[in-house]
N, C-alpha and C. Protein backbone atom coordinates (compact mmCIF):
# COMPACT_ATOMS: atom_id res chain seq x y z
N MET A 1 91.00 107.66 86.33
CA MET A 1 89.90 107.20 86.43
C MET A 1 90.47 106.50 87.71
N ILE A 2 90.44 105.16 87.78
CA ILE A 2 90.68 103.71 88.87
C ILE A 2 90.94 104.63 90.39
N ARG A 3 92.24 105.97 89.83
CA ARG A 3 93.29 106.20 90.92
C ARG A 3 91.99 106.98 91.91
N LEU A 4 91.05 107.93 91.11
CA LEU A 4 90.20 108.70 91.41
C LEU A 4 89.19 107.80 91.99
N GLU A 5 88.39 106.47 91.98
CA GLU A 5 87.80 105.66 92.28
C GLU A 5 88.51 105.12 94.20
N PHE A 6 89.87 104.64 93.82
CA PHE A 6 90.09 104.41 94.94
C PHE A 6 91.00 105.50 95.73
N GLY A 7 90.70 106.52 95.61
CA GLY A 7 91.35 107.59 96.63
C GLY A 7 92.88 107.26 96.57
N VAL A 8 93.84 106.68 95.35
CA VAL A 8 94.96 106.96 95.78
C VAL A 8 95.36 107.57 94.55
N VAL A 9 97.16 108.47 95.06
CA VAL A 9 97.33 109.25 94.53
C VAL A 9 98.63 108.34 93.44
N LYS A 10 98.27 109.37 92.68
CA LYS A 10 99.92 108.98 91.24
C LYS A 10 101.34 108.74 92.41
N LEU A 11 101.37 108.22 91.77
CA LEU A 11 103.29 107.73 92.07
C LEU A 11 104.26 108.62 91.44
N ALA A 12 103.81 109.61 91.30
CA ALA A 12 104.69 110.59 91.83
C ALA A 12 104.93 111.30 92.49
N TYR A 13 103.66 111.19 93.60
CA TYR A 13 103.41 111.86 94.91
C TYR A 13 104.90 111.07 95.67
N LEU A 14 104.60 109.84 95.62
CA LEU A 14 105.43 109.18 96.08
C LEU A 14 107.18 109.17 96.13
N VAL A 15 107.42 109.47 94.79
CA VAL A 15 109.06 110.20 94.22
C VAL A 15 108.73 111.52 95.12
N LEU A 16 108.39 112.01 94.35
CA LEU A 16 108.42 113.21 95.31
C LEU A 16 108.88 113.70 96.89
N LYS A 17 108.28 112.28 97.63
CA LYS A 17 108.81 112.37 99.00
C LYS A 17 109.73 111.75 99.66
N GLN A 18 109.77 110.73 98.08
CA GLN A 18 111.37 110.38 98.42
C GLN A 18 112.69 111.62 98.23
N MET A 19 112.31 111.95 97.36
CA MET A 19 113.58 112.83 97.23
C MET A 19 113.57 113.87 98.13
N LEU A 20 112.35 114.40 98.63
CA LEU A 20 112.21 115.42 99.77
C LEU A 20 112.79 114.72 100.65
N ARG A 21 113.11 113.87 101.20
CA ARG A 21 113.51 112.93 102.66
C ARG A 21 115.13 112.93 102.49
N TRP A 22 115.61 112.05 100.85
CA TRP A 22 116.52 112.28 100.66
C TRP A 22 117.69 113.32 100.64
N TRP A 23 116.79 114.85 99.80
CA TRP A 23 117.78 115.89 100.47
C TRP A 23 117.81 116.11 101.60
N PHE A 24 116.38 116.22 102.14
CA PHE A 24 116.96 116.24 103.80
C PHE A 24 118.16 115.48 104.63
N LYS A 25 117.76 114.31 104.10
CA LYS A 25 119.57 113.62 104.52
C LYS A 25 120.35 114.45 104.46
N VAL A 26 120.43 114.82 103.17
CA VAL A 26 121.48 114.81 102.61
C VAL A 26 122.13 116.46 103.08
N LEU A 27 121.06 117.72 103.09
CA LEU A 27 121.31 118.80 103.60
C LEU A 27 121.93 118.69 105.40
N SER A 28 121.53 117.55 105.54
CA SER A 28 121.93 117.62 107.57
C SER A 28 123.16 117.08 107.64
N MET A 29 123.81 116.51 106.15
CA MET A 29 125.36 115.65 106.35
C MET A 29 126.19 117.01 106.70
N SER A 30 127.27 116.12 107.02
CA SER A 30 128.94 116.98 106.76
C SER A 30 129.06 117.35 105.68
N GLU A 31 129.94 118.58 105.18
CA GLU A 31 130.35 118.50 104.23
C GLU A 31 131.39 117.69 103.73
N GLU A 32 132.04 116.94 104.74
CA GLU A 32 132.97 115.66 103.84
C GLU A 32 132.29 114.29 103.26
N ARG A 33 131.09 114.38 104.29
CA ARG A 33 130.88 112.93 103.54
C ARG A 33 130.43 112.70 101.79
N TYR A 34 130.35 112.09 101.55
CA TYR A 34 130.39 111.43 99.86
C TYR A 34 128.87 111.97 99.46
N PRO A 35 127.90 111.66 99.84
CA PRO A 35 126.94 111.95 99.37
C PRO A 35 126.51 113.87 99.20
N ARG A 36 126.99 114.03 100.10
CA ARG A 36 126.80 115.58 100.18
C ARG A 36 127.67 116.39 99.47
N ILE A 37 128.95 115.39 98.92
CA ILE A 37 130.19 116.46 98.20
C ILE A 37 129.20 115.73 96.58
N CYS A 38 128.83 115.24 96.54
CA CYS A 38 128.19 114.31 95.41
C CYS A 38 126.71 115.27 94.55
N TYR A 39 126.22 115.93 95.84
CA TYR A 39 124.97 116.71 95.37
C TYR A 39 125.35 117.88 95.57
N ASN A 40 126.76 118.43 95.93
CA ASN A 40 127.17 119.62 95.96
C ASN A 40 127.58 119.65 94.53
N GLN A 41 128.39 118.61 93.88
CA GLN A 41 128.60 119.20 92.31
C GLN A 41 127.74 118.68 91.22
N LEU A 42 126.23 118.19 91.64
CA LEU A 42 125.02 117.91 91.29
C LEU A 42 124.35 119.65 91.10
N VAL A 43 124.82 120.38 92.19
CA VAL A 43 124.40 121.68 92.05
C VAL A 43 124.72 122.78 91.17
N VAL A 44 126.36 122.11 91.27
CA VAL A 44 126.92 123.50 90.77
C VAL A 44 126.86 122.97 88.32
N THR A 45 126.54 121.48 88.85
CA THR A 45 126.29 121.07 87.28
C THR A 45 125.23 121.90 87.02
N ASP A 46 124.06 121.78 87.62
CA ASP A 46 122.51 122.09 87.88
C ASP A 46 122.03 123.57 86.98
N GLN A 47 122.90 124.87 87.37
CA GLN A 47 123.91 125.76 86.88
C GLN A 47 124.36 125.78 85.49
N LEU A 48 125.62 124.94 84.78
CA LEU A 48 126.09 124.89 83.83
C LEU A 48 125.09 124.99 82.57
N ALA A 49 125.32 125.37 81.80
CA ALA A 49 124.37 125.06 80.11
C ALA A 49 124.60 124.05 79.26
N ARG A 50 125.60 122.82 80.26
CA ARG A 50 125.09 121.72 79.78
C ARG A 50 124.83 120.89 80.19
N ASN A 51 123.75 120.98 81.34
CA ASN A 51 123.77 120.20 81.99
C ASN A 51 122.27 119.71 81.36
N ILE A 52 121.93 118.67 81.81
CA ILE A 52 121.11 117.70 81.73
C ILE A 52 120.13 117.27 82.58
N GLU A 53 119.15 117.77 82.82
CA GLU A 53 118.10 117.64 83.17
C GLU A 53 117.27 116.42 83.94
N LYS A 54 117.24 116.22 82.88
CA LYS A 54 116.82 114.71 82.53
C LYS A 54 117.49 113.44 83.85
N TYR A 55 119.45 113.71 83.62
CA TYR A 55 120.09 113.16 84.23
C TYR A 55 120.09 113.30 85.98
N ASN A 56 119.46 114.75 86.41
CA ASN A 56 120.26 114.96 87.50
C ASN A 56 119.02 115.55 87.99
N TRP A 57 119.12 114.67 89.27
CA TRP A 57 117.84 114.82 90.05
C TRP A 57 117.72 116.33 91.04
N VAL A 58 118.59 116.70 90.88
CA VAL A 58 118.55 118.13 91.92
C VAL A 58 118.10 119.06 90.77
N SER A 59 118.53 119.03 89.80
CA SER A 59 117.30 120.07 89.03
C SER A 59 116.07 119.48 88.96
N LEU A 60 115.67 118.50 88.51
CA LEU A 60 114.15 117.82 88.68
C LEU A 60 113.51 118.20 90.02
N LEU A 61 114.54 118.26 91.19
CA LEU A 61 113.68 118.83 92.56
C LEU A 61 113.35 120.28 92.59
N LYS A 62 114.72 120.91 91.86
CA LYS A 62 114.50 122.07 92.34
C LYS A 62 113.49 122.78 91.14
N ARG A 63 113.20 122.10 89.64
CA ARG A 63 111.80 122.58 89.36
C ARG A 63 110.81 121.87 89.93
N LYS A 64 110.32 121.27 89.83
CA LYS A 64 109.21 120.76 91.29
C LYS A 64 109.00 121.72 92.15
N LEU A 65 109.96 122.03 92.43
CA LEU A 65 109.68 122.98 93.80
C LEU A 65 109.08 124.72 93.46
N VAL A 66 110.12 124.54 92.51
CA VAL A 66 109.55 126.38 92.21
C VAL A 66 108.20 125.97 91.18
N GLN A 67 108.06 124.77 90.65
CA GLN A 67 106.64 124.94 89.67
C GLN A 67 105.21 124.80 90.64
N LEU A 68 105.68 124.09 92.03
CA LEU A 68 104.81 124.25 93.61
C LEU A 68 104.81 125.27 94.42
N GLY A 69 105.72 126.30 93.71
CA GLY A 69 105.64 127.78 94.69
C GLY A 69 106.42 127.70 95.80
N TYR A 70 107.53 126.34 96.04
CA TYR A 70 108.46 126.73 97.16
C TYR A 70 110.11 127.18 96.62
N ALA A 71 109.90 127.92 96.02
CA ALA A 71 111.32 128.58 95.37
C ALA A 71 112.28 128.82 96.48
N GLU A 72 111.67 129.31 97.27
CA GLU A 72 112.42 129.95 98.37
C GLU A 72 112.94 128.86 99.34
N ILE A 73 112.59 127.51 99.51
CA ILE A 73 112.83 126.83 99.80
C ILE A 73 114.14 125.77 99.18
N TRP A 74 114.34 126.04 98.46
CA TRP A 74 115.82 126.01 97.20
C TRP A 74 116.51 126.64 97.20
N GLU A 75 115.88 128.01 97.69
CA GLU A 75 117.23 128.59 97.63
C GLU A 75 118.26 128.90 99.09
N ALA A 76 117.35 128.67 100.10
CA ALA A 76 117.66 128.55 101.26
C ALA A 76 118.54 127.60 101.63
N GLN A 77 118.26 126.72 101.14
CA GLN A 77 119.01 124.84 101.42
C GLN A 77 119.10 124.91 103.10
N SER A 78 118.12 124.67 103.35
CA SER A 78 118.01 124.78 104.86
C SER A 78 117.26 123.62 105.45
N PRO A 79 117.96 122.75 106.03
CA PRO A 79 117.64 121.10 106.15
C PRO A 79 116.35 121.82 107.53
N GLU A 80 116.41 122.84 108.36
CA GLU A 80 114.88 122.86 109.22
C GLU A 80 114.18 123.59 108.38
N LEU A 81 114.47 124.67 107.25
CA LEU A 81 113.60 124.78 106.81
C LEU A 81 112.38 123.62 106.03
N LEU A 82 113.26 123.09 105.12
CA LEU A 82 112.36 121.74 104.72
C LEU A 82 111.85 120.87 105.15
N LYS A 83 112.35 120.70 106.59
CA LYS A 83 111.76 119.76 107.60
C LYS A 83 110.37 120.63 108.32
N ASN A 84 110.01 121.72 108.24
CA ASN A 84 109.53 122.33 108.87
C ASN A 84 108.26 122.33 107.17
N LYS A 85 108.30 122.32 106.23
CA LYS A 85 107.35 122.92 105.46
C LYS A 85 107.43 121.47 104.53
N MET A 86 108.07 120.15 104.68
CA MET A 86 108.11 119.14 103.70
C MET A 86 106.79 118.83 104.04
N ASP A 87 105.79 119.02 104.73
CA ASP A 87 104.18 117.95 105.04
C ASP A 87 103.73 119.07 103.87
N GLU A 88 103.59 120.51 104.27
CA GLU A 88 103.07 121.23 102.97
C GLU A 88 103.66 121.26 101.53
N ILE A 89 104.33 121.26 101.09
CA ILE A 89 105.14 120.72 99.75
C ILE A 89 103.91 119.51 99.42
N LEU A 90 104.38 118.35 100.48
CA LEU A 90 103.30 116.86 99.56
C LEU A 90 101.99 117.36 99.62
N SER A 91 101.57 118.14 100.53
CA SER A 91 100.17 118.24 100.11
C SER A 91 99.74 118.99 99.52
N THR A 92 100.47 120.04 99.34
CA THR A 92 99.96 120.62 97.99
C THR A 92 100.45 119.62 96.42
N TYR A 93 101.47 118.93 96.23
CA TYR A 93 101.23 118.48 95.61
C TYR A 93 100.66 117.69 95.39
N GLU A 94 100.04 117.35 96.37
CA GLU A 94 99.11 115.87 96.22
C GLU A 94 97.58 116.81 95.55
N ILE A 95 97.30 117.60 96.49
CA ILE A 95 95.92 118.27 95.49
C ILE A 95 96.23 118.39 94.27
N GLN A 96 97.54 118.59 93.60
CA GLN A 96 97.58 119.08 92.43
C GLN A 96 97.36 118.16 91.49
N LEU A 97 98.12 116.80 92.13
CA LEU A 97 97.79 115.63 91.12
C LEU A 97 96.39 115.29 91.16
N ILE A 98 95.84 115.51 91.74
CA ILE A 98 94.56 115.16 92.37
C ILE A 98 93.35 116.48 90.81
N VAL A 99 93.88 117.63 91.27
CA VAL A 99 93.01 118.15 90.42
C VAL A 99 93.19 117.86 89.46
N GLU A 100 94.69 117.56 88.78
CA GLU A 100 94.84 116.80 87.11
C GLU A 100 93.90 115.47 86.96
N ASP A 101 94.46 115.10 87.71
CA ASP A 101 93.45 113.88 87.80
C ASP A 101 91.65 113.60 87.27
N TYR A 102 91.15 114.88 87.67
CA TYR A 102 89.74 115.25 87.91
C TYR A 102 89.41 116.06 86.22
N HIS A 103 90.71 116.87 86.06
CA HIS A 103 90.54 117.26 84.73
C HIS A 103 90.48 116.36 83.33
N ARG A 104 91.26 115.03 83.72
CA ARG A 104 91.64 113.96 82.88
C ARG A 104 90.13 113.64 82.80
N LEU A 105 89.10 113.64 83.85
CA LEU A 105 88.13 112.55 84.18
C LEU A 105 86.92 113.94 82.87
N GLU A 106 86.88 114.69 83.39
CA GLU A 106 86.53 115.86 82.54
C GLU A 106 86.32 115.63 80.91
N SER A 107 87.97 115.47 80.72
CA SER A 107 88.09 115.95 78.98
C SER A 107 87.69 114.62 78.49
N SER A 108 87.81 113.67 79.32
CA SER A 108 87.98 111.47 78.78
C SER A 108 86.73 111.85 78.15
N SER A 109 86.71 110.98 76.94
CA SER A 109 86.09 110.68 76.08
C SER A 109 85.80 108.99 75.85
N TYR A 110 86.04 108.84 76.49
CA TYR A 110 86.77 107.17 76.60
C TYR A 110 84.99 106.86 77.04
N CYS A 111 84.53 107.26 78.76
CA CYS A 111 83.31 106.36 79.27
C CYS A 111 83.10 107.81 79.83
N THR A 112 81.53 107.86 79.02
CA THR A 112 81.19 109.49 79.99
C THR A 112 80.38 108.86 81.35
N LEU A 113 80.29 107.61 81.70
CA LEU A 113 79.55 107.21 82.84
C LEU A 113 80.27 107.58 84.33
N TYR A 114 81.93 107.73 83.44
CA TYR A 114 82.63 108.45 84.95
C TYR A 114 82.59 110.01 84.99
N LYS A 115 81.77 110.54 84.20
CA LYS A 115 81.80 112.17 84.45
C LYS A 115 80.35 112.63 85.59
N GLU A 116 79.73 111.34 85.39
CA GLU A 116 78.73 111.40 86.54
C GLU A 116 78.64 110.94 87.79
N LEU A 117 79.79 110.59 87.62
CA LEU A 117 80.68 109.83 89.26
C LEU A 117 81.06 111.23 89.99
N LYS A 118 80.86 111.11 91.28
CA LYS A 118 81.53 111.85 92.05
C LYS A 118 82.67 111.77 93.06
N PRO A 119 83.69 110.94 92.79
CA PRO A 119 84.22 110.39 93.37
C PRO A 119 85.23 111.09 94.23
N LYS A 120 85.62 110.50 95.40
CA LYS A 120 86.14 111.82 96.60
C LYS A 120 87.50 110.53 96.94
N HIS A 121 88.66 111.82 97.62
CA HIS A 121 89.72 111.79 97.53
C HIS A 121 89.90 110.26 98.52
N LYS A 122 89.17 110.26 99.46
CA LYS A 122 89.35 109.16 100.43
C LYS A 122 88.46 109.19 100.73
N THR A 123 88.03 107.98 100.50
CA THR A 123 86.04 107.33 100.55
C THR A 123 86.30 106.85 101.75
N GLU A 124 85.06 106.83 102.23
CA GLU A 124 85.37 106.22 103.77
C GLU A 124 85.58 104.58 103.73
N ASN A 125 85.19 103.68 102.25
CA ASN A 125 85.29 102.12 101.91
C ASN A 125 86.59 102.13 102.25
N MET A 126 87.47 102.98 102.05
CA MET A 126 89.18 102.73 101.99
C MET A 126 89.76 103.07 103.49
N LYS A 127 88.63 103.90 104.03
CA LYS A 127 89.59 104.10 105.40
C LYS A 127 89.14 102.73 106.58
N SER A 128 88.20 102.19 105.93
CA SER A 128 88.01 101.15 107.05
C SER A 128 88.56 99.84 107.26
N ASN A 129 88.72 99.67 108.12
CA ASN A 129 89.54 98.52 108.51
C ASN A 129 88.66 96.90 108.05
N THR A 130 87.51 97.05 107.81
CA THR A 130 86.87 96.18 107.03
C THR A 130 87.07 95.21 105.55
N SER A 131 87.40 93.90 105.62
CA SER A 131 87.94 93.45 104.62
C SER A 131 86.27 93.51 103.69
N ASN A 132 86.86 93.77 102.28
CA ASN A 132 86.30 94.10 100.86
C ASN A 132 85.97 92.67 100.60
N TYR A 133 84.95 91.99 99.72
CA TYR A 133 84.77 90.51 99.61
C TYR A 133 83.95 90.66 98.12
N ILE A 134 84.60 90.54 97.29
CA ILE A 134 84.17 90.50 95.40
C ILE A 134 83.83 88.50 95.91
N LEU A 135 82.02 89.21 94.83
CA LEU A 135 81.30 87.62 95.26
C LEU A 135 81.83 87.81 92.96
N LEU A 136 81.59 86.59 93.07
CA LEU A 136 82.41 86.25 91.27
C LEU A 136 80.79 85.03 90.97
N ALA A 137 80.27 86.05 90.05
CA ALA A 137 79.16 85.21 89.33
C ALA A 137 79.38 84.18 88.29
N GLY A 138 79.72 83.05 88.49
CA GLY A 138 80.56 81.59 87.67
C GLY A 138 81.63 81.52 87.81
N PRO A 139 82.19 80.43 87.53
CA PRO A 139 83.26 79.31 87.75
C PRO A 139 84.63 80.39 87.23
N ILE A 140 85.58 80.06 87.84
CA ILE A 140 86.68 80.69 87.34
C ILE A 140 87.60 79.79 86.43
């Protein structure tokens, strides 16, 4: 509810953004570099039955891309394609997270007042460069 009021996206958005940036860097590396060698091993491990997704960031990234409808980017393993689609992927994920927050807000029984609010994702108040001051009524 607070995220919707302040126009803040869930932390998972920033995690995916960093994962995509790192993935782009790794895909752009030569095959002899250690991060690329480790990445290739994680891709192989992802295909094994003994793979534990919780400990394999490659598996987590693959699952997230498939969930968002970008399986073709995973299958292509192309840094150029990833670079071209990165903003689109992040935008899709941001919208998904906002929609999930709205659904949580609608189904919440904590405070019915929130259901009457119509928060906007990026409010004008949050976009302005002016400072906001809080007036306190009483001693601190």
